[in-house]
Amino acid sequence: MNASSSSARSSNQGWRDLYIAALFENDKSKMANKIAQAQAAIAFERRRLMALDNDIRERQLLDNALFSLRALRSCLAIPPGTSEETNWFRPRSSPF
């Protein structure tokens, strides 16, 4: 196993752990923070995969996880926090 595959595995495990922690958090006062942490980790991993032009299936897993967290946030009426929001799917304004 080389260093890059080890790094990818730990990065992959990191966002998954945060995602699972957010989904199963019972304390609503902690939930917004857990969701924000998971969203930031997922966005980071998605950007990393885009730079590597990696397998689309992994990006789809990330997209699904991100949408699930947004649905959870919405169902619980948790307003978006001030932490890094993941806006990768929103079109950016054109410089033209």
C-alpha atoms as a PDB file:
ATOM      1  CA  MET A   1       0.000   0.000   0.000  1.00  0.00           C
ATOM      2  CA  ASN A   2       1.416   3.378  -0.945  1.00  0.00           C
ATOM      3  CA  ALA A   3       1.089   6.671   0.908  1.00  0.00           C
ATOM      4  CA  SER A   4      -1.577   8.117  -1.405  1.00  0.00           C
ATOM      5  CA  SER A   5      -3.899   5.113  -1.068  1.00  0.00           C
ATOM      6  CA  SER A   6      -3.432   5.202   2.715  1.00  0.00           C
ATOM      7  CA  SER A   7      -4.252   8.916   2.753  1.00  0.00           C
ATOM      8  CA  ALA A   8      -7.321   8.385   0.556  1.00  0.00           C
ATOM      9  CA  ARG A   9      -8.547   5.601   2.829  1.00  0.00           C
ATOM     10  CA  SER A  10      -8.175   7.722   5.973  1.00  0.00           C
ATOM     11  CA  SER A  11      -9.838  10.717   4.259  1.00  0.00           C
ATOM     12  CA  ASN A  12     -12.694   8.473   3.127  1.00  0.00           C
ATOM     13  CA  GLN A  13     -13.100   7.053   6.636  1.00  0.00           C
ATOM     14  CA  GLY A  14     -12.999  10.552   8.126  1.00  0.00           C
ATOM     15  CA  TRP A  15     -16.002  11.929   6.257  1.00  0.00           C
ATOM     16  CA  ARG A  16     -17.917   8.673   6.761  1.00  0.00           C
ATOM     17  CA  ASP A  17     -17.328   8.744  10.521  1.00  0.00           C
ATOM     18  CA  LEU A  18     -18.483  12.359  10.728  1.00  0.00           C
ATOM     19  CA  TYR A  19     -21.507  11.574   8.526  1.00  0.00           C
ATOM     20  CA  ILE A  20     -22.578   8.633  10.708  1.00  0.00           C
ATOM     21  CA  ALA A  21     -22.008  10.691  13.868  1.00  0.00           C
ATOM     22  CA  ALA A  22     -24.274  13.436  12.501  1.00  0.00           C
ATOM     23  CA  LEU A  23     -27.005  11.001  11.485  1.00  0.00           C
ATOM     24  CA  PHE A  24     -27.114   9.279  14.858  1.00  0.00           C
ATOM     25  CA  GLU A  25     -26.601  12.248  17.183  1.00  0.00           C
ATOM     26  CA  ASN A  26     -29.398  12.261  19.766  1.00  0.00           C
ATOM     27  CA  ASP A  27     -28.653  15.626  21.356  1.00  0.00           C
ATOM     28  CA  LYS A  28     -30.256  18.324  19.210  1.00  0.00           C
ATOM     29  CA  SER A  29     -27.947  20.974  20.694  1.00  0.00           C
ATOM     30  CA  LYS A  30     -24.962  19.093  19.235  1.00  0.00           C
ATOM     31  CA  MET A  31     -26.616  18.085  15.989  1.00  0.00           C
ATOM     32  CA  ALA A  32     -26.102  21.335  14.046  1.00  0.00           C
ATOM     33  CA  ASN A  33     -22.380  21.250  14.747  1.00  0.00           C
ATOM     34  CA  LYS A  34     -22.083  17.569  13.792  1.00  0.00           C
ATOM     35  CA  ILE A  35     -23.967  18.186  10.549  1.00  0.00           C
ATOM     36  CA  ALA A  36     -21.748  21.170   9.704  1.00  0.00           C
ATOM     37  CA  GLN A  37     -18.584  19.150  10.401  1.00  0.00           C
ATOM     38  CA  ALA A  38     -19.787  16.296   8.210  1.00  0.00           C
ATOM     39  CA  GLN A  39     -20.803  18.662   5.401  1.00  0.00           C
ATOM     40  CA  ALA A  40     -17.389  20.347   5.459  1.00  0.00           C
ATOM     41  CA  ALA A  41     -15.572  16.987   5.393  1.00  0.00           C
ATOM     42  CA  ILE A  42     -17.737  15.763   2.513  1.00  0.00           C
ATOM     43  CA  ALA A  43     -17.152  18.965   0.542  1.00  0.00           C
ATOM     44  CA  PHE A  44     -13.390  18.675   1.114  1.00  0.00           C
ATOM     45  CA  GLU A  45     -13.359  15.043  -0.020  1.00  0.00           C
ATOM     46  CA  ARG A  46     -15.437  15.879  -3.093  1.00  0.00           C
ATOM     47  CA  ARG A  47     -13.017  18.649  -4.095  1.00  0.00           C
ATOM     48  CA  ARG A  48     -10.110  16.260  -3.563  1.00  0.00           C
ATOM     49  CA  LEU A  49     -11.728  13.654  -5.802  1.00  0.00           C
ATOM     50  CA  MET A  50     -12.508  16.233  -8.491  1.00  0.00           C
ATOM     51  CA  ALA A  51      -8.836  17.243  -8.586  1.00  0.00           C
ATOM     52  CA  LEU A  52      -7.865  13.605  -9.020  1.00  0.00           C
ATOM     53  CA  ASP A  53     -10.573  12.956 -11.628  1.00  0.00           C
ATOM     54  CA  ASN A  54     -11.491   9.908  -9.595  1.00  0.00           C
ATOM     55  CA  ASP A  55     -14.340   7.404  -9.889  1.00  0.00           C
ATOM     56  CA  ILE A  56     -17.769   9.001 -10.279  1.00  0.00           C
ATOM     57  CA  ARG A  57     -19.348   6.397  -7.975  1.00  0.00           C
ATOM     58  CA  GLU A  58     -17.458   7.808  -5.003  1.00  0.00           C
ATOM     59  CA  ARG A  59     -18.573  11.336  -5.903  1.00  0.00           C
ATOM     60  CA  GLN A  60     -22.160  10.086  -6.075  1.00  0.00           C
ATOM     61  CA  LEU A  61     -21.799   8.619  -2.575  1.00  0.00           C
ATOM     62  CA  LEU A  62     -20.579  12.003  -1.370  1.00  0.00           C
ATOM     63  CA  ASP A  63     -23.435  13.800  -3.109  1.00  0.00           C
ATOM     64  CA  ASN A  64     -25.997  11.453  -1.568  1.00  0.00           C
ATOM     65  CA  ALA A  65     -24.506  11.892   1.895  1.00  0.00           C
ATOM     66  CA  LEU A  66     -24.519  15.662   1.513  1.00  0.00           C
ATOM     67  CA  PHE A  67     -28.132  15.738   0.361  1.00  0.00           C
ATOM     68  CA  SER A  68     -29.116  13.475   3.278  1.00  0.00           C
ATOM     69  CA  LEU A  69     -27.488  15.859   5.747  1.00  0.00           C
ATOM     70  CA  ARG A  70     -29.265  18.821   4.181  1.00  0.00           C
ATOM     71  CA  ALA A  71     -32.576  16.965   4.427  1.00  0.00           C
ATOM     72  CA  LEU A  72     -31.893  16.150   8.075  1.00  0.00           C
ATOM     73  CA  ARG A  73     -31.025  19.791   8.790  1.00  0.00           C
ATOM     74  CA  SER A  74     -34.217  20.906   7.056  1.00  0.00           C
ATOM     75  CA  CYS A  75     -36.454  18.366   8.823  1.00  0.00           C
ATOM     76  CA  LEU A  76     -35.104  19.422  12.189  1.00  0.00           C
ATOM     77  CA  ALA A  77     -35.444  23.118  11.306  1.00  0.00           C
ATOM     78  CA  ILE A  78     -31.768  23.754  11.987  1.00  0.00           C
ATOM     79  CA  PRO A  79     -30.745  26.931  10.175  1.00  0.00           C
ATOM     80  CA  PRO A  80     -27.544  26.791   8.158  1.00  0.00           C
ATOM     81  CA  GLY A  81     -24.594  27.621  10.390  1.00  0.00           C
ATOM     82  CA  THR A  82     -21.787  30.021   9.876  1.00  0.00           C
ATOM     83  CA  SER A  83     -19.377  27.156   9.266  1.00  0.00           C
ATOM     84  CA  GLU A  84     -18.283  26.337   5.735  1.00  0.00           C
ATOM     85  CA  GLU A  85     -21.346  25.589   3.681  1.00  0.00           C
ATOM     86  CA  THR A  86     -20.950  23.267   0.756  1.00  0.00           C
ATOM     87  CA  ASN A  87     -21.979  25.194  -2.339  1.00  0.00           C
ATOM     88  CA  TRP A  88     -20.199  23.028  -4.883  1.00  0.00           C
ATOM     89  CA  PHE A  89     -23.422  22.293  -6.764  1.00  0.00           C
ATOM     90  CA  ARG A  90     -24.555  25.891  -7.078  1.00  0.00           C
ATOM     91  CA  PRO A  91     -23.557  27.667 -10.256  1.00  0.00           C
ATOM     92  CA  ARG A  92     -20.924  30.296  -9.776  1.00  0.00           C
ATOM     93  CA  SER A  93     -21.413  33.718 -11.218  1.00  0.00           C
ATOM     94  CA  SER A  94     -19.746  34.159 -14.547  1.00  0.00           C
ATOM     95  CA  PRO A  95     -16.868  36.627 -14.797  1.00  0.00           C
ATOM     96  CA  PHE A  96     -18.224  37.700 -18.191  1.00  0.00           C
END
